[in-house]
Amino acid sequence: MTGGPSADTSPDDVRVADNPAARRFEATEGGRVVGFSTYRLTEDRVVFLHTEVEPEVEGRGIGSRLVAAALDDVRGPGLRVTPRCPFVAAFIERHPDYQDLVRD
């Protein structure tokens, strides 16, 4: 991943989508992946394994937007979540409205 976002890029320019072939949710900005959260899918749950955001976009809330969108996507079909990723676990801990998704 090369090149950085322009200084006037707003968080509204960030898009989050599931990339099932890569088994990860991706945050993109200007067509470039700036963050991702990898997962393993089982029959009834999504195990989040690792989340990463490019250093040049850290501090802009992209990681939180990425995880929130991923969790919203998981909620849609009624799946459960196992947060092995510390970032996802901390996000769920801070946002009680997502705690009902957790399965050990």
N, C-alpha and C. Protein backbone atom coordinates (compact mmCIF):
# COMPACT_ATOMS: atom_id res chain seq x y z
N MET A 1 0.84 -1.17 0.00
CA MET A 1 0.00 0.00 0.00
C MET A 1 0.89 1.23 0.00
N THR A 2 0.73 2.03 -1.02
CA THR A 2 1.58 3.21 -1.14
C THR A 2 0.74 4.45 -1.33
N GLY A 3 1.40 5.59 -1.10
CA GLY A 3 0.72 6.87 -1.29
C GLY A 3 -0.22 7.17 -0.15
N GLY A 4 -0.37 8.43 0.20
CA GLY A 4 -1.23 8.81 1.30
C GLY A 4 -2.43 9.58 0.83
N PRO A 5 -3.42 9.73 1.71
CA PRO A 5 -4.58 10.51 1.35
C PRO A 5 -4.24 11.99 1.32
N SER A 6 -5.01 12.77 0.59
CA SER A 6 -4.77 14.20 0.58
C SER A 6 -5.17 14.78 1.92
N ALA A 7 -4.60 15.91 2.26
CA ALA A 7 -4.83 16.52 3.57
C ALA A 7 -6.28 16.93 3.77
N ASP A 8 -7.01 17.21 2.68
CA ASP A 8 -8.38 17.65 2.83
C ASP A 8 -9.40 16.52 2.70
N THR A 9 -8.95 15.29 2.75
CA THR A 9 -9.86 14.15 2.66
C THR A 9 -10.62 14.02 3.97
N SER A 10 -11.93 13.92 3.88
CA SER A 10 -12.75 13.81 5.09
C SER A 10 -13.04 12.34 5.38
N PRO A 11 -13.40 12.04 6.63
CA PRO A 11 -13.75 10.66 6.97
C PRO A 11 -14.94 10.14 6.15
N ASP A 12 -15.76 11.05 5.61
CA ASP A 12 -16.89 10.62 4.79
C ASP A 12 -16.45 9.99 3.48
N ASP A 13 -15.19 10.19 3.10
CA ASP A 13 -14.66 9.60 1.88
C ASP A 13 -14.24 8.15 2.09
N VAL A 14 -14.30 7.66 3.32
CA VAL A 14 -13.90 6.30 3.64
C VAL A 14 -15.09 5.37 3.44
N ARG A 15 -14.85 4.28 2.76
CA ARG A 15 -15.88 3.27 2.51
C ARG A 15 -15.43 1.95 3.14
N VAL A 16 -16.36 1.20 3.70
CA VAL A 16 -16.06 -0.10 4.29
C VAL A 16 -16.87 -1.16 3.57
N ALA A 17 -16.20 -2.24 3.18
CA ALA A 17 -16.88 -3.33 2.50
C ALA A 17 -16.23 -4.65 2.87
N ASP A 18 -17.03 -5.70 2.84
CA ASP A 18 -16.53 -7.05 3.06
C ASP A 18 -15.84 -7.51 1.77
N ASN A 19 -14.67 -8.10 1.92
CA ASN A 19 -13.97 -8.73 0.81
C ASN A 19 -13.88 -10.21 1.16
N PRO A 20 -14.94 -10.98 0.86
CA PRO A 20 -14.98 -12.38 1.29
C PRO A 20 -13.85 -13.23 0.72
N ALA A 21 -13.36 -12.92 -0.46
CA ALA A 21 -12.27 -13.70 -1.05
C ALA A 21 -11.00 -13.59 -0.20
N ALA A 22 -10.79 -12.41 0.39
CA ALA A 22 -9.61 -12.19 1.23
C ALA A 22 -9.93 -12.45 2.71
N ARG A 23 -11.20 -12.73 3.00
CA ARG A 23 -11.68 -12.93 4.38
C ARG A 23 -11.33 -11.75 5.27
N ARG A 24 -11.72 -10.57 4.80
CA ARG A 24 -11.50 -9.37 5.60
C ARG A 24 -12.44 -8.26 5.17
N PHE A 25 -12.74 -7.40 6.12
CA PHE A 25 -13.44 -6.16 5.84
C PHE A 25 -12.37 -5.13 5.54
N GLU A 26 -12.62 -4.29 4.54
CA GLU A 26 -11.62 -3.31 4.13
C GLU A 26 -12.20 -1.90 4.17
N ALA A 27 -11.41 -0.98 4.69
CA ALA A 27 -11.74 0.44 4.64
C ALA A 27 -10.92 1.02 3.50
N THR A 28 -11.60 1.66 2.56
CA THR A 28 -10.90 2.26 1.43
C THR A 28 -11.15 3.76 1.40
N GLU A 29 -10.18 4.45 0.88
CA GLU A 29 -10.26 5.90 0.72
C GLU A 29 -9.63 6.22 -0.62
N GLY A 30 -10.41 6.81 -1.50
CA GLY A 30 -9.90 7.10 -2.82
C GLY A 30 -9.47 5.85 -3.58
N GLY A 31 -10.15 4.73 -3.33
CA GLY A 31 -9.83 3.48 -4.01
C GLY A 31 -8.65 2.72 -3.43
N ARG A 32 -8.06 3.22 -2.37
CA ARG A 32 -6.90 2.59 -1.75
C ARG A 32 -7.28 2.02 -0.39
N VAL A 33 -6.87 0.79 -0.12
CA VAL A 33 -7.16 0.17 1.18
C VAL A 33 -6.29 0.87 2.24
N VAL A 34 -6.97 1.44 3.26
CA VAL A 34 -6.26 2.13 4.33
C VAL A 34 -6.42 1.41 5.67
N GLY A 35 -7.23 0.36 5.68
CA GLY A 35 -7.40 -0.42 6.90
C GLY A 35 -8.15 -1.70 6.57
N PHE A 36 -7.97 -2.70 7.44
CA PHE A 36 -8.68 -3.97 7.23
C PHE A 36 -8.81 -4.70 8.55
N SER A 37 -9.78 -5.60 8.59
CA SER A 37 -10.00 -6.46 9.74
C SER A 37 -10.22 -7.87 9.19
N THR A 38 -9.30 -8.77 9.51
CA THR A 38 -9.40 -10.13 9.00
C THR A 38 -10.31 -10.96 9.90
N TYR A 39 -10.91 -11.98 9.30
CA TYR A 39 -11.82 -12.83 10.06
C TYR A 39 -11.81 -14.25 9.53
N ARG A 40 -12.35 -15.13 10.36
CA ARG A 40 -12.62 -16.51 9.97
C ARG A 40 -14.12 -16.70 10.16
N LEU A 41 -14.77 -17.25 9.16
CA LEU A 41 -16.21 -17.45 9.20
C LEU A 41 -16.51 -18.91 9.48
N THR A 42 -17.36 -19.15 10.46
CA THR A 42 -17.84 -20.49 10.74
C THR A 42 -19.33 -20.52 10.38
N GLU A 43 -19.98 -21.59 10.72
CA GLU A 43 -21.38 -21.73 10.37
C GLU A 43 -22.26 -20.61 10.91
N ASP A 44 -22.02 -20.19 12.15
CA ASP A 44 -22.91 -19.21 12.77
C ASP A 44 -22.20 -18.02 13.40
N ARG A 45 -20.92 -17.85 13.12
CA ARG A 45 -20.21 -16.73 13.74
C ARG A 45 -19.03 -16.28 12.90
N VAL A 46 -18.57 -15.07 13.24
CA VAL A 46 -17.40 -14.48 12.62
C VAL A 46 -16.36 -14.29 13.72
N VAL A 47 -15.19 -14.87 13.52
CA VAL A 47 -14.09 -14.72 14.47
C VAL A 47 -13.17 -13.64 13.91
N PHE A 48 -13.15 -12.48 14.57
CA PHE A 48 -12.26 -11.40 14.14
C PHE A 48 -10.86 -11.67 14.68
N LEU A 49 -9.88 -11.67 13.78
CA LEU A 49 -8.52 -12.08 14.12
C LEU A 49 -7.53 -10.93 14.27
N HIS A 50 -7.62 -9.95 13.39
CA HIS A 50 -6.60 -8.89 13.38
C HIS A 50 -7.15 -7.67 12.65
N THR A 51 -6.88 -6.49 13.19
CA THR A 51 -7.29 -5.24 12.55
C THR A 51 -6.08 -4.35 12.43
N GLU A 52 -5.97 -3.70 11.28
CA GLU A 52 -4.83 -2.83 11.01
C GLU A 52 -5.29 -1.59 10.25
N VAL A 53 -4.71 -0.45 10.58
CA VAL A 53 -4.96 0.79 9.86
C VAL A 53 -3.60 1.36 9.47
N GLU A 54 -3.51 1.87 8.24
CA GLU A 54 -2.26 2.45 7.77
C GLU A 54 -1.83 3.58 8.71
N PRO A 55 -0.55 3.64 9.06
CA PRO A 55 -0.07 4.65 10.01
C PRO A 55 -0.41 6.09 9.62
N GLU A 56 -0.40 6.40 8.33
CA GLU A 56 -0.64 7.79 7.93
C GLU A 56 -2.09 8.24 8.09
N VAL A 57 -3.01 7.30 8.38
CA VAL A 57 -4.41 7.69 8.60
C VAL A 57 -4.87 7.40 10.03
N GLU A 58 -3.96 6.97 10.87
CA GLU A 58 -4.33 6.71 12.27
C GLU A 58 -4.78 8.00 12.94
N GLY A 59 -5.65 7.86 13.92
CA GLY A 59 -6.14 9.01 14.67
C GLY A 59 -7.34 9.70 14.03
N ARG A 60 -7.85 9.16 12.94
CA ARG A 60 -8.99 9.76 12.26
C ARG A 60 -10.27 8.96 12.46
N GLY A 61 -10.22 7.92 13.29
CA GLY A 61 -11.40 7.11 13.57
C GLY A 61 -11.72 6.07 12.51
N ILE A 62 -10.79 5.84 11.59
CA ILE A 62 -11.04 4.87 10.52
C ILE A 62 -11.16 3.46 11.07
N GLY A 63 -10.33 3.10 12.04
CA GLY A 63 -10.42 1.77 12.65
C GLY A 63 -11.77 1.54 13.30
N SER A 64 -12.26 2.54 14.01
CA SER A 64 -13.57 2.41 14.65
C SER A 64 -14.69 2.33 13.63
N ARG A 65 -14.61 3.11 12.57
CA ARG A 65 -15.63 3.04 11.51
C ARG A 65 -15.60 1.67 10.83
N LEU A 66 -14.40 1.16 10.62
CA LEU A 66 -14.22 -0.15 10.00
C LEU A 66 -14.89 -1.23 10.85
N VAL A 67 -14.59 -1.24 12.14
CA VAL A 67 -15.14 -2.27 13.02
C VAL A 67 -16.66 -2.12 13.18
N ALA A 68 -17.14 -0.90 13.32
CA ALA A 68 -18.59 -0.69 13.45
C ALA A 68 -19.32 -1.20 12.21
N ALA A 69 -18.80 -0.89 11.04
CA ALA A 69 -19.44 -1.35 9.80
C ALA A 69 -19.38 -2.87 9.69
N ALA A 70 -18.26 -3.46 10.08
CA ALA A 70 -18.14 -4.92 10.04
C ALA A 70 -19.14 -5.57 10.99
N LEU A 71 -19.26 -5.04 12.19
CA LEU A 71 -20.20 -5.60 13.16
C LEU A 71 -21.65 -5.42 12.71
N ASP A 72 -21.95 -4.28 12.10
CA ASP A 72 -23.29 -4.07 11.56
C ASP A 72 -23.59 -5.09 10.46
N ASP A 73 -22.58 -5.38 9.65
CA ASP A 73 -22.74 -6.36 8.57
C ASP A 73 -22.99 -7.76 9.14
N VAL A 74 -22.29 -8.09 10.20
CA VAL A 74 -22.45 -9.39 10.86
C VAL A 74 -23.84 -9.51 11.47
N ARG A 75 -24.32 -8.43 12.04
CA ARG A 75 -25.64 -8.45 12.70
C ARG A 75 -26.75 -8.75 11.69
N GLY A 76 -26.63 -8.25 10.48
CA GLY A 76 -27.67 -8.42 9.46
C GLY A 76 -28.17 -9.84 9.31
N PRO A 77 -27.28 -10.81 9.02
CA PRO A 77 -27.75 -12.19 8.87
C PRO A 77 -27.88 -12.95 10.19
N GLY A 78 -27.70 -12.26 11.33
CA GLY A 78 -27.88 -12.91 12.62
C GLY A 78 -26.70 -13.74 13.09
N LEU A 79 -25.51 -13.44 12.58
CA LEU A 79 -24.31 -14.16 13.02
C LEU A 79 -23.85 -13.63 14.37
N ARG A 80 -23.00 -14.37 15.03
CA ARG A 80 -22.38 -13.98 16.30
C ARG A 80 -20.91 -13.66 16.06
N VAL A 81 -20.28 -13.08 17.07
CA VAL A 81 -18.89 -12.62 16.94
C VAL A 81 -18.04 -13.20 18.05
N THR A 82 -16.84 -13.60 17.70
CA THR A 82 -15.80 -13.92 18.67
C THR A 82 -14.64 -12.96 18.39
N PRO A 83 -14.41 -12.00 19.29
CA PRO A 83 -13.39 -10.99 19.04
C PRO A 83 -12.00 -11.42 19.54
N ARG A 84 -11.26 -12.14 18.72
CA ARG A 84 -9.88 -12.51 19.09
C ARG A 84 -8.94 -11.33 18.90
N CYS A 85 -9.32 -10.40 18.03
CA CYS A 85 -8.54 -9.19 17.79
C CYS A 85 -8.73 -8.23 18.97
N PRO A 86 -7.66 -7.76 19.59
CA PRO A 86 -7.78 -6.85 20.74
C PRO A 86 -8.51 -5.55 20.40
N PHE A 87 -8.32 -5.04 19.19
CA PHE A 87 -8.99 -3.79 18.81
C PHE A 87 -10.50 -4.00 18.74
N VAL A 88 -10.94 -5.08 18.13
CA VAL A 88 -12.37 -5.39 18.03
C VAL A 88 -12.95 -5.63 19.42
N ALA A 89 -12.22 -6.36 20.26
CA ALA A 89 -12.70 -6.62 21.62
C ALA A 89 -12.86 -5.32 22.40
N ALA A 90 -11.89 -4.42 22.29
CA ALA A 90 -11.96 -3.13 23.00
C ALA A 90 -13.11 -2.28 22.46
N PHE A 91 -13.33 -2.31 21.15
CA PHE A 91 -14.42 -1.55 20.55
C PHE A 91 -15.76 -2.05 21.10
N ILE A 92 -15.94 -3.35 21.14
CA ILE A 92 -17.19 -3.92 21.66
C ILE A 92 -17.36 -3.57 23.13
N GLU A 93 -16.29 -3.61 23.88
CA GLU A 93 -16.35 -3.26 25.31
C GLU A 93 -16.82 -1.81 25.50
N ARG A 94 -16.37 -0.91 24.62
CA ARG A 94 -16.72 0.51 24.71
C ARG A 94 -18.10 0.83 24.14
N HIS A 95 -18.67 -0.08 23.36
CA HIS A 95 -19.95 0.16 22.70
C HIS A 95 -20.93 -0.97 23.05
N PRO A 96 -21.67 -0.79 24.14
CA PRO A 96 -22.57 -1.85 24.64
C PRO A 96 -23.60 -2.33 23.62
N ASP A 97 -23.95 -1.49 22.64
CA ASP A 97 -24.94 -1.90 21.66
C ASP A 97 -24.45 -3.03 20.75
N TYR A 98 -23.16 -3.37 20.83
CA TYR A 98 -22.62 -4.49 20.04
C TYR A 98 -22.34 -5.74 20.91
N GLN A 99 -22.49 -5.62 22.22
CA GLN A 99 -22.14 -6.71 23.10
C GLN A 99 -23.01 -7.95 22.93
N ASP A 100 -24.22 -7.76 22.41
CA ASP A 100 -25.10 -8.91 22.20
C ASP A 100 -24.61 -9.83 21.08
N LEU A 101 -23.66 -9.37 20.28
CA LEU A 101 -23.12 -10.17 19.18
C LEU A 101 -22.05 -11.18 19.64
N VAL A 102 -21.52 -10.98 20.84
CA VAL A 102 -20.35 -11.75 21.28
C VAL A 102 -20.74 -13.16 21.69
N ARG A 103 -19.94 -14.09 21.22
CA ARG A 103 -20.06 -15.49 21.61
C ARG A 103 -18.64 -15.96 21.90
N ASP A 104 -18.45 -16.59 23.03
CA ASP A 104 -17.12 -17.11 23.39
C ASP A 104 -16.79 -18.34 22.62
